[in-house]
Amino acid sequence: MSNNFYRKFEDKHRGSTDEIRQRLLVYLPLMTSLNEFYPDSLVADIGCGRGEWLKILRDNEIQGIGVDLDEGMLAVARKDGLNVEQDDCINFLKRQTDDSLMAITGFHIVEHLPFNIVHTLVSEALRVLKPGGLLILETPNPENVSVGSCSFYMDPTHHNPLPPELLKFLPDYYGFKRTRIVRLQESPRIRDEETEITLTEVLKGVSPDYSIVAQKAGQDNLHSQLNKFFAKKIGVTLDELAERYDASLNLKIERIFSGHSAQLELIHEKINSFSEVNRKLADANAELEINNNELNQQLSAVYLSNSWRITSPIRRVVDILKRINVARKKGFKYFASALMKKTLNRLIILMGRNPAYRTKILMIMRKIGIYNTIRKIYLNTISSEKKSLIYDCSIAEKNHNNMTSRAVGIFEELKSHEDQVNKGDR
């Protein structure tokens, strides 16, 4: 990889020098406190890059030295007059004497190193730091879903993301007095706990960077001076954002339900009212069915009774007298028509009950040539509504155009046969 490639990559994807300086100011109060105890000691910035942190230290009269392997980065730092040297970070630490540095910082370096080298870095830092000195290691935060799944791998020199609790465990394991995780660079909107966040913010809003700040055992008054920093809450976790999102979502659901509770209650009341009406209708139908069955039984009993059979002749005589009275008023023609209608209706009922008789009677009527006459008389005695239900062969004749040639042939044969039967030629 060329000397210029990584410098240009950092310029494009990590941010400008001013942006990096602004982010690193969070650590300045720690360095200021340490400098009060060790004014002649150095802060070693391993993987110093372009020297943003070294500039902050110099501007605040804190001595610093930077170490990096990238000559292109170091050229920018030397141009600014910073104290830097080209070396491997482990070699640099091993060259330092015990209890010689007040702080060791490494911003976005551990993700570039194999994990066994990170072990060595932490153990060597404990040896080199002065009592009460600080080790600060900052790295991308894989708790941020977008960082851990995508942006971390934009840098081709990265190895693996380091979960915060894993990196914190190393200083604890090697004997630092205390270690804390500092989550960084989340947006002000995320930082405000009263803000209702979106699902996108849950996935992308967690602090994109974090650091572990580990303090070596030292003087009690130096520890006390840094207690506030180690106790202060900084940044947000994925769990915190997820819980805030769930809480805001549940609150919205409660608002929706509370806003529609009156309507829901009214709907339930109407449903209950409809159910009661349906129950009453079912009870009424059941009662009507019982009464109907009772009436049918009573009517059947009447029809089967001796009195009904005995009075049958009387009812017939009364019926005939009524008809004679009507005929006297309306004339003989009406009487004859009514009598014919009644006779034909009786005959049709009888024929319907005895299909064999029906065929014979129709055959006889066709042979003696009275079928068409009787049919016309019958049609004149029934209503126009019933006439429309009687088959009219002219309908089929009108639809010859819709028939196939074979269907037309079959129809003509049937019609010819029907005409012969009607004429008695069979």
Protein backbone atom coordinates (compact mmCIF):
# COMPACT_ATOMS: atom_id res chain seq x y z
CA MET A 1 0.00 0.00 0.00
CA SER A 2 1.52 3.36 -1.05
CA ASN A 3 2.40 6.05 1.48
CA ASN A 4 -0.21 8.43 0.11
CA PHE A 5 -3.13 5.98 -0.20
CA TYR A 6 -3.98 5.67 3.46
CA ARG A 7 -3.57 9.40 4.13
CA LYS A 8 -6.00 10.23 1.32
CA PHE A 9 -8.36 7.50 2.53
CA GLU A 10 -8.36 9.01 6.04
CA ASP A 11 -8.96 12.48 4.60
CA LYS A 12 -12.08 11.25 2.78
CA HIS A 13 -13.64 8.78 5.21
CA ARG A 14 -12.52 9.61 8.75
CA GLY A 15 -13.04 13.35 8.58
CA SER A 16 -11.11 16.58 8.34
CA THR A 17 -8.42 17.62 10.82
CA ASP A 18 -10.79 20.10 12.46
CA GLU A 19 -13.50 17.44 12.88
CA ILE A 20 -11.04 15.01 14.50
CA ARG A 21 -9.72 17.70 16.85
CA GLN A 22 -13.28 18.53 17.95
CA ARG A 23 -14.00 14.89 18.75
CA LEU A 24 -10.79 14.46 20.78
CA LEU A 25 -11.49 17.42 23.09
CA VAL A 26 -13.47 15.10 25.38
CA TYR A 27 -10.16 13.69 26.69
CA LEU A 28 -8.46 17.05 27.31
CA PRO A 29 -9.71 17.47 30.94
CA LEU A 30 -8.11 14.13 31.81
CA MET A 31 -4.75 15.19 30.39
CA THR A 32 -4.97 18.54 32.16
CA SER A 33 -5.52 16.80 35.52
CA LEU A 34 -2.61 14.42 34.94
CA ASN A 35 -0.34 17.27 33.86
CA GLU A 36 -0.86 18.91 37.24
CA PHE A 37 0.71 15.87 38.88
CA TYR A 38 3.33 15.11 36.21
CA PRO A 39 4.15 18.41 34.44
CA ASP A 40 7.45 17.13 33.04
CA SER A 41 6.14 13.83 31.73
CA LEU A 42 5.00 12.92 28.23
CA VAL A 43 1.78 11.71 26.65
CA ALA A 44 2.60 9.06 24.01
CA ASP A 45 0.11 8.91 21.11
CA ILE A 46 0.61 5.61 19.28
CA GLY A 47 -0.75 5.57 15.74
CA CYS A 48 -0.71 9.37 15.85
CA GLY A 49 -1.54 9.76 12.13
CA ARG A 50 -1.74 13.42 11.08
CA GLY A 51 -1.17 14.58 14.66
CA GLU A 52 -4.57 16.10 15.57
CA TRP A 53 -4.28 14.99 19.21
CA LEU A 54 -0.67 16.14 19.50
CA LYS A 55 -1.74 19.61 18.34
CA ILE A 56 -4.37 19.77 21.09
CA LEU A 57 -1.77 18.77 23.68
CA ARG A 58 0.74 21.33 22.41
CA ASP A 59 -1.89 24.09 22.37
CA ASN A 60 -2.57 23.32 26.05
CA GLU A 61 1.12 23.17 27.04
CA ILE A 62 1.15 19.41 27.53
CA GLN A 63 4.18 17.55 26.22
CA GLY A 64 3.48 14.76 23.73
CA ILE A 65 5.22 12.40 21.35
CA GLY A 66 3.64 10.62 18.39
CA VAL A 67 4.44 7.22 16.84
CA ASP A 68 3.24 5.88 13.50
CA LEU A 69 4.37 3.58 10.70
CA ASP A 70 2.79 5.56 7.85
CA GLU A 71 5.38 7.99 6.44
CA GLY A 72 2.69 9.91 4.53
CA MET A 73 0.84 10.65 7.78
CA LEU A 74 4.02 11.54 9.63
CA ALA A 75 5.02 13.98 6.87
CA VAL A 76 1.86 16.01 7.62
CA ALA A 77 2.61 15.94 11.37
CA ARG A 78 6.27 17.01 10.88
CA LYS A 79 5.10 19.86 8.65
CA ASP A 80 3.18 21.17 11.69
CA GLY A 81 6.35 20.92 13.82
CA LEU A 82 5.07 18.05 15.98
CA ASN A 83 7.30 15.62 17.90
CA VAL A 84 6.79 12.34 16.01
CA GLU A 85 8.82 9.30 15.03
CA GLN A 86 8.34 6.35 12.69
CA ASP A 87 8.17 3.10 14.62
CA ASP A 88 6.03 0.13 15.52
CA CYS A 89 3.92 0.85 18.60
CA ILE A 90 5.06 -2.27 20.47
CA ASN A 91 8.75 -1.54 19.76
CA PHE A 92 8.22 2.01 20.95
CA LEU A 93 6.65 0.89 24.25
CA LYS A 94 9.30 -1.73 24.89
CA ARG A 95 11.98 0.97 24.57
CA GLN A 96 10.39 3.04 27.34
CA THR A 97 11.44 2.67 30.96
CA ASP A 98 9.06 1.66 33.74
CA ASP A 99 6.75 4.36 35.15
CA SER A 100 7.90 6.90 32.56
CA LEU A 101 4.76 8.17 30.71
CA MET A 102 1.76 9.90 32.25
CA ALA A 103 -0.62 8.71 29.51
CA ILE A 104 -0.70 6.46 26.46
CA THR A 105 -3.37 7.14 23.85
CA GLY A 106 -4.30 5.23 20.72
CA PHE A 107 -7.14 6.54 18.58
CA HIS A 108 -8.44 4.04 16.04
CA ILE A 109 -5.39 1.80 16.16
CA VAL A 110 -6.40 -1.41 18.00
CA GLU A 111 -8.81 -2.45 15.21
CA HIS A 112 -5.77 -2.52 12.89
CA LEU A 113 -3.86 -4.94 15.14
CA PRO A 114 -4.11 -8.71 15.69
CA PHE A 115 -5.68 -9.40 19.07
CA ASN A 116 -2.50 -10.92 20.54
CA ILE A 117 -0.68 -7.65 19.74
CA VAL A 118 -3.44 -5.73 21.59
CA HIS A 119 -2.70 -7.96 24.60
CA THR A 120 0.96 -6.96 24.43
CA LEU A 121 0.08 -3.28 24.00
CA VAL A 122 -2.06 -3.25 27.16
CA SER A 123 0.46 -5.18 29.30
CA GLU A 124 3.36 -2.94 28.16
CA ALA A 125 1.26 0.18 28.82
CA LEU A 126 0.72 -0.91 32.44
CA ARG A 127 4.50 -1.22 32.89
CA VAL A 128 5.36 2.09 31.22
CA LEU A 129 2.68 4.33 32.78
CA LYS A 130 3.36 6.39 35.88
CA PRO A 131 1.23 5.61 38.99
CA GLY A 132 -2.26 6.92 38.32
CA GLY A 133 -1.47 7.24 34.59
CA LEU A 134 -4.11 6.61 31.90
CA LEU A 135 -4.42 4.28 28.92
CA ILE A 136 -6.97 5.50 26.33
CA LEU A 137 -7.85 3.29 23.34
CA GLU A 138 -10.58 4.49 20.97
CA THR A 139 -12.14 2.29 18.25
CA PRO A 140 -15.32 1.96 16.11
CA ASN A 141 -18.32 0.77 18.12
CA PRO A 142 -19.90 -2.46 16.77
CA GLU A 143 -22.94 -1.86 19.02
CA ASN A 144 -23.96 0.54 16.25
CA VAL A 145 -25.54 -1.87 13.74
CA SER A 146 -24.54 0.23 10.73
CA VAL A 147 -20.92 0.51 11.94
CA GLY A 148 -20.55 -3.14 12.93
CA SER A 149 -22.09 -4.52 9.74
CA CYS A 150 -20.84 -2.06 7.12
CA SER A 151 -18.74 1.05 7.72
CA PHE A 152 -16.12 -0.77 9.83
CA TYR A 153 -15.12 -2.77 6.77
CA MET A 154 -14.65 0.33 4.61
CA ASP A 155 -11.08 0.48 5.89
CA PRO A 156 -9.08 -2.33 4.21
CA THR A 157 -6.53 -2.36 7.05
CA HIS A 158 -9.11 -3.20 9.74
CA HIS A 159 -9.03 -6.68 11.32
CA ASN A 160 -12.15 -7.34 13.44
CA PRO A 161 -14.55 -5.12 15.40
CA LEU A 162 -13.88 -5.22 19.15
CA PRO A 163 -16.99 -5.31 21.38
CA PRO A 164 -16.72 -2.76 24.21
CA GLU A 165 -16.85 -5.32 27.01
CA LEU A 166 -14.06 -7.35 25.38
CA LEU A 167 -11.67 -4.41 25.09
CA LYS A 168 -12.55 -3.30 28.65
CA PHE A 169 -11.68 -6.75 29.97
CA LEU A 170 -8.02 -6.51 28.87
CA PRO A 171 -6.93 -3.68 31.25
CA ASP A 172 -8.92 -5.30 34.06
CA TYR A 173 -7.19 -8.59 33.34
CA TYR A 174 -3.66 -7.11 33.34
CA GLY A 175 -4.13 -5.23 36.60
CA PHE A 176 -5.29 -1.66 35.94
CA LYS A 177 -7.10 -0.23 38.97
CA ARG A 178 -10.24 0.78 37.09
CA THR A 179 -11.56 0.87 33.52
CA ARG A 180 -14.62 2.44 31.98
CA ILE A 181 -16.25 2.49 28.54
CA VAL A 182 -16.85 5.92 26.98
CA ARG A 183 -19.31 5.92 24.05
CA LEU A 184 -18.84 8.86 21.68
CA GLN A 185 -20.08 10.94 18.74
CA GLU A 186 -23.82 10.21 18.90
CA SER A 187 -26.10 13.01 17.65
CA PRO A 188 -27.62 15.57 20.09
CA ARG A 189 -31.07 14.21 19.19
CA ILE A 190 -30.05 10.75 20.37
CA ARG A 191 -28.43 12.20 23.48
CA ASP A 192 -31.71 13.85 24.52
CA GLU A 193 -33.55 11.10 26.41
CA GLU A 194 -36.90 12.89 25.99
CA THR A 195 -36.76 12.59 22.20
CA GLU A 196 -38.96 9.96 20.52
CA ILE A 197 -36.59 8.03 18.27
CA THR A 198 -37.23 6.10 15.07
CA LEU A 199 -36.30 2.55 14.14
CA THR A 200 -33.60 3.90 11.81
CA GLU A 201 -32.07 5.72 14.75
CA VAL A 202 -32.04 2.49 16.76
CA LEU A 203 -30.04 0.85 13.97
CA LYS A 204 -27.73 3.79 13.19
CA GLY A 205 -27.91 6.16 16.17
CA VAL A 206 -25.85 4.30 18.78
CA SER A 207 -22.53 6.03 19.55
CA PRO A 208 -20.44 5.22 16.43
CA ASP A 209 -17.14 5.22 18.40
CA TYR A 210 -16.17 4.22 21.92
CA SER A 211 -13.03 4.17 24.01
CA ILE A 212 -11.82 2.41 27.10
CA VAL A 213 -10.15 4.64 29.68
CA ALA A 214 -8.06 2.62 32.12
CA GLN A 215 -6.20 4.07 35.15
CA LYS A 216 -3.16 2.51 36.75
CA ALA A 217 -3.08 2.34 40.55
CA GLY A 218 -1.56 5.46 42.03
CA GLN A 219 -2.04 8.27 44.51
CA ASP A 220 -5.46 8.54 46.12
CA ASN A 221 -5.76 12.25 45.44
CA LEU A 222 -5.11 11.66 41.71
CA HIS A 223 -7.80 8.97 41.65
CA SER A 224 -10.20 11.27 43.49
CA GLN A 225 -9.62 14.04 40.97
CA LEU A 226 -10.76 11.74 38.15
CA ASN A 227 -13.69 10.12 40.00
CA LYS A 228 -16.24 12.40 38.34
CA PHE A 229 -15.16 11.32 34.87
CA PHE A 230 -15.28 7.63 35.75
CA ALA A 231 -18.79 8.00 37.25
CA LYS A 232 -20.29 10.23 34.57
CA LYS A 233 -22.61 8.64 31.96
CA ILE A 234 -21.32 9.29 28.44
CA GLY A 235 -22.96 8.02 25.23
CA VAL A 236 -25.82 5.58 24.59
CA THR A 237 -25.96 1.82 24.14
CA LEU A 238 -28.02 -0.23 21.68
CA ASP A 239 -30.10 -1.61 24.54
CA GLU A 240 -30.93 1.89 25.76
CA LEU A 241 -32.05 3.04 22.32
CA ALA A 242 -34.11 -0.12 21.78
CA GLU A 243 -35.86 0.36 25.15
CA ARG A 244 -36.57 4.02 24.35
CA TYR A 245 -38.01 3.03 20.98
CA ASP A 246 -40.22 0.34 22.60
CA ALA A 247 -41.39 2.81 25.24
CA SER A 248 -42.31 5.47 22.65
CA LEU A 249 -44.07 2.85 20.51
CA ASN A 250 -46.09 1.57 23.48
CA LEU A 251 -47.01 5.15 24.36
CA LYS A 252 -48.32 5.76 20.83
CA ILE A 253 -50.39 2.57 21.00
CA GLU A 254 -51.85 3.62 24.37
CA ARG A 255 -52.75 7.03 22.92
CA ILE A 256 -54.50 5.41 19.99
CA PHE A 257 -56.50 3.08 22.24
CA SER A 258 -57.38 5.83 24.72
CA GLY A 259 -58.48 8.11 21.86
CA HIS A 260 -60.82 5.46 20.48
CA SER A 261 -61.97 3.85 23.72
CA ALA A 262 -65.34 5.66 23.65
CA GLN A 263 -66.02 4.54 20.08
CA LEU A 264 -64.96 0.98 20.90
CA GLU A 265 -67.26 0.93 23.92
CA LEU A 266 -70.18 2.17 21.79
CA ILE A 267 -69.47 -0.50 19.17
CA HIS A 268 -69.42 -3.18 21.88
CA GLU A 269 -72.77 -1.90 23.21
CA LYS A 270 -74.31 -2.07 19.72
CA ILE A 271 -72.94 -5.55 19.18
CA ASN A 272 -74.44 -6.65 22.48
CA SER A 273 -77.76 -4.98 21.51
CA PHE A 274 -77.80 -6.78 18.14
CA SER A 275 -77.03 -10.05 19.88
CA GLU A 276 -79.98 -9.54 22.21
CA VAL A 277 -82.31 -8.73 19.26
CA ASN A 278 -81.10 -11.84 17.42
CA ARG A 279 -81.76 -13.93 20.51
CA LYS A 280 -85.29 -12.57 20.82
CA LEU A 281 -85.95 -13.17 17.11
CA ALA A 282 -84.70 -16.73 17.45
CA ASP A 283 -87.01 -17.25 20.43
CA ALA A 284 -89.96 -15.76 18.48
CA ASN A 285 -89.22 -17.98 15.45
CA ALA A 286 -89.07 -21.01 17.66
CA GLU A 287 -92.40 -20.08 19.25
CA LEU A 288 -93.99 -19.45 15.81
CA GLU A 289 -92.76 -22.80 14.58
CA ILE A 290 -94.30 -24.53 17.60
CA ASN A 291 -97.61 -22.69 17.03
CA ASN A 292 -97.52 -23.52 13.30
CA ASN A 293 -96.98 -27.19 14.06
CA GLU A 294 -99.86 -27.14 16.51
CA LEU A 295 -102.15 -25.47 13.95
CA ASN A 296 -101.15 -27.98 11.25
CA GLN A 297 -101.90 -30.81 13.65
CA GLN A 298 -105.29 -29.26 14.48
CA LEU A 299 -106.05 -28.76 10.77
CA SER A 300 -105.05 -32.35 10.00
CA ALA A 301 -107.29 -33.50 12.83
CA VAL A 302 -110.18 -31.53 11.34
CA TYR A 303 -109.62 -33.05 7.86
CA LEU A 304 -109.51 -36.53 9.35
CA SER A 305 -112.53 -36.04 11.57
CA ASN A 306 -115.92 -37.73 10.93
CA SER A 307 -117.71 -34.37 11.01
CA TRP A 308 -115.54 -33.10 8.11
CA ARG A 309 -116.35 -36.17 6.02
CA ILE A 310 -120.06 -36.06 6.92
CA THR A 311 -120.41 -32.36 6.02
CA SER A 312 -118.53 -32.77 2.74
CA PRO A 313 -121.76 -33.10 0.63
CA ILE A 314 -123.24 -30.07 2.33
CA ARG A 315 -120.13 -28.00 1.50
CA ARG A 316 -120.32 -29.12 -2.13
CA VAL A 317 -124.01 -28.15 -2.36
CA VAL A 318 -123.25 -24.78 -0.80
CA ASP A 319 -120.40 -24.32 -3.28
CA ILE A 320 -122.66 -25.17 -6.23
CA LEU A 321 -125.34 -22.79 -4.98
CA LYS A 322 -122.75 -20.02 -4.68
CA ARG A 323 -121.59 -20.66 -8.23
CA ILE A 324 -125.20 -20.71 -9.53
CA ASN A 325 -125.80 -17.38 -7.76
CA VAL A 326 -122.66 -15.92 -9.33
CA ALA A 327 -123.66 -17.31 -12.76
CA ARG A 328 -127.13 -15.81 -12.40
CA LYS A 329 -125.54 -12.41 -11.76
CA LYS A 330 -122.70 -12.61 -14.36
CA GLY A 331 -124.32 -14.79 -17.00
CA PHE A 332 -124.13 -18.31 -18.39
CA LYS A 333 -120.88 -17.69 -20.26
CA TYR A 334 -119.03 -16.89 -17.05
CA PHE A 335 -120.58 -19.97 -15.40
CA ALA A 336 -119.51 -22.22 -18.25
CA SER A 337 -115.99 -20.78 -18.21
CA ALA A 338 -115.65 -21.22 -14.46
CA LEU A 339 -116.98 -24.79 -14.67
CA MET A 340 -114.58 -25.59 -17.50
CA LYS A 341 -111.67 -24.08 -15.60
CA LYS A 342 -112.47 -26.11 -12.50
CA THR A 343 -112.88 -29.28 -14.51
CA LEU A 344 -109.60 -28.75 -16.37
CA ASN A 345 -107.74 -27.96 -13.15
CA ARG A 346 -109.05 -31.16 -11.60
CA LEU A 347 -108.06 -33.07 -14.70
CA ILE A 348 -104.52 -31.57 -14.65
CA ILE A 349 -104.09 -32.46 -10.98
CA LEU A 350 -105.24 -36.02 -11.71
CA MET A 351 -102.87 -36.28 -14.67
CA GLY A 352 -99.98 -34.95 -12.54
CA ARG A 353 -100.59 -37.68 -9.97
CA ASN A 354 -100.83 -40.39 -12.64
CA PRO A 355 -98.22 -39.84 -15.39
CA ALA A 356 -99.32 -43.00 -17.23
CA TYR A 357 -102.91 -41.73 -17.49
CA ARG A 358 -101.61 -38.33 -18.58
CA THR A 359 -99.84 -39.82 -21.62
CA LYS A 360 -102.91 -41.87 -22.61
CA ILE A 361 -105.33 -38.95 -22.18
CA LEU A 362 -103.16 -36.62 -24.26
CA MET A 363 -102.84 -39.29 -26.95
CA ILE A 364 -106.61 -39.77 -27.11
CA MET A 365 -107.19 -36.02 -27.24
CA ARG A 366 -104.75 -35.69 -30.14
CA LYS A 367 -106.30 -38.61 -32.03
CA ILE A 368 -109.82 -37.28 -31.83
CA GLY A 369 -108.55 -33.77 -32.66
CA ILE A 370 -109.65 -31.86 -29.55
CA TYR A 371 -106.17 -31.25 -28.03
CA ASN A 372 -105.65 -27.79 -29.55
CA THR A 373 -109.20 -26.71 -28.70
CA ILE A 374 -108.91 -27.85 -25.07
CA ARG A 375 -105.47 -26.22 -24.86
CA LYS A 376 -106.85 -22.87 -26.11
CA ILE A 377 -109.74 -23.06 -23.65
CA TYR A 378 -107.32 -23.82 -20.83
CA LEU A 379 -105.03 -20.96 -21.77
CA ASN A 380 -107.97 -18.57 -21.76
CA THR A 381 -108.88 -19.63 -18.22
CA ILE A 382 -105.44 -19.02 -16.65
CA SER A 383 -103.68 -15.76 -15.85
CA SER A 384 -101.23 -14.03 -18.20
CA GLU A 385 -98.41 -14.64 -15.68
CA LYS A 386 -98.87 -18.42 -15.94
CA LYS A 387 -99.15 -18.24 -19.71
CA SER A 388 -95.61 -16.90 -19.90
CA LEU A 389 -94.37 -20.11 -18.25
CA ILE A 390 -95.87 -22.37 -20.93
CA TYR A 391 -93.47 -23.44 -23.62
CA ASP A 392 -93.96 -21.71 -26.93
CA CYS A 393 -92.25 -23.37 -29.86
CA SER A 394 -92.13 -20.01 -31.67
CA ILE A 395 -89.34 -19.03 -29.29
CA ALA A 396 -87.15 -21.74 -30.69
CA GLU A 397 -88.17 -20.77 -34.22
CA LYS A 398 -87.05 -17.22 -33.59
CA ASN A 399 -83.64 -18.45 -32.48
CA HIS A 400 -82.80 -20.51 -35.57
CA ASN A 401 -79.95 -18.08 -36.27
CA ASN A 402 -78.26 -19.03 -32.99
CA MET A 403 -78.44 -22.80 -33.69
CA THR A 404 -75.91 -24.99 -35.42
CA SER A 405 -77.00 -26.71 -38.62
CA ARG A 406 -77.27 -30.04 -36.79
CA ALA A 407 -79.42 -28.46 -34.03
CA VAL A 408 -81.74 -26.91 -36.65
CA GLY A 409 -82.18 -30.32 -38.31
CA ILE A 410 -83.09 -31.99 -35.01
CA PHE A 411 -85.52 -29.19 -34.17
CA GLU A 412 -87.30 -29.48 -37.55
CA GLU A 413 -87.70 -33.25 -37.09
CA LEU A 414 -89.19 -32.80 -33.62
CA LYS A 415 -91.53 -30.05 -34.81
CA SER A 416 -92.72 -32.17 -37.73
CA HIS A 417 -93.36 -35.09 -35.42
CA GLU A 418 -95.26 -32.81 -33.00
CA ASP A 419 -97.47 -31.49 -35.83
CA GLN A 420 -98.28 -35.04 -36.95
CA VAL A 421 -99.21 -36.03 -33.43
CA ASN A 422 -101.39 -32.95 -33.02
CA LYS A 423 -103.22 -33.81 -36.29
CA GLY A 424 -103.75 -37.38 -35.20
CA ASP A 425 -101.53 -38.79 -37.97
CA ARG A 426 -99.45 -40.89 -35.67
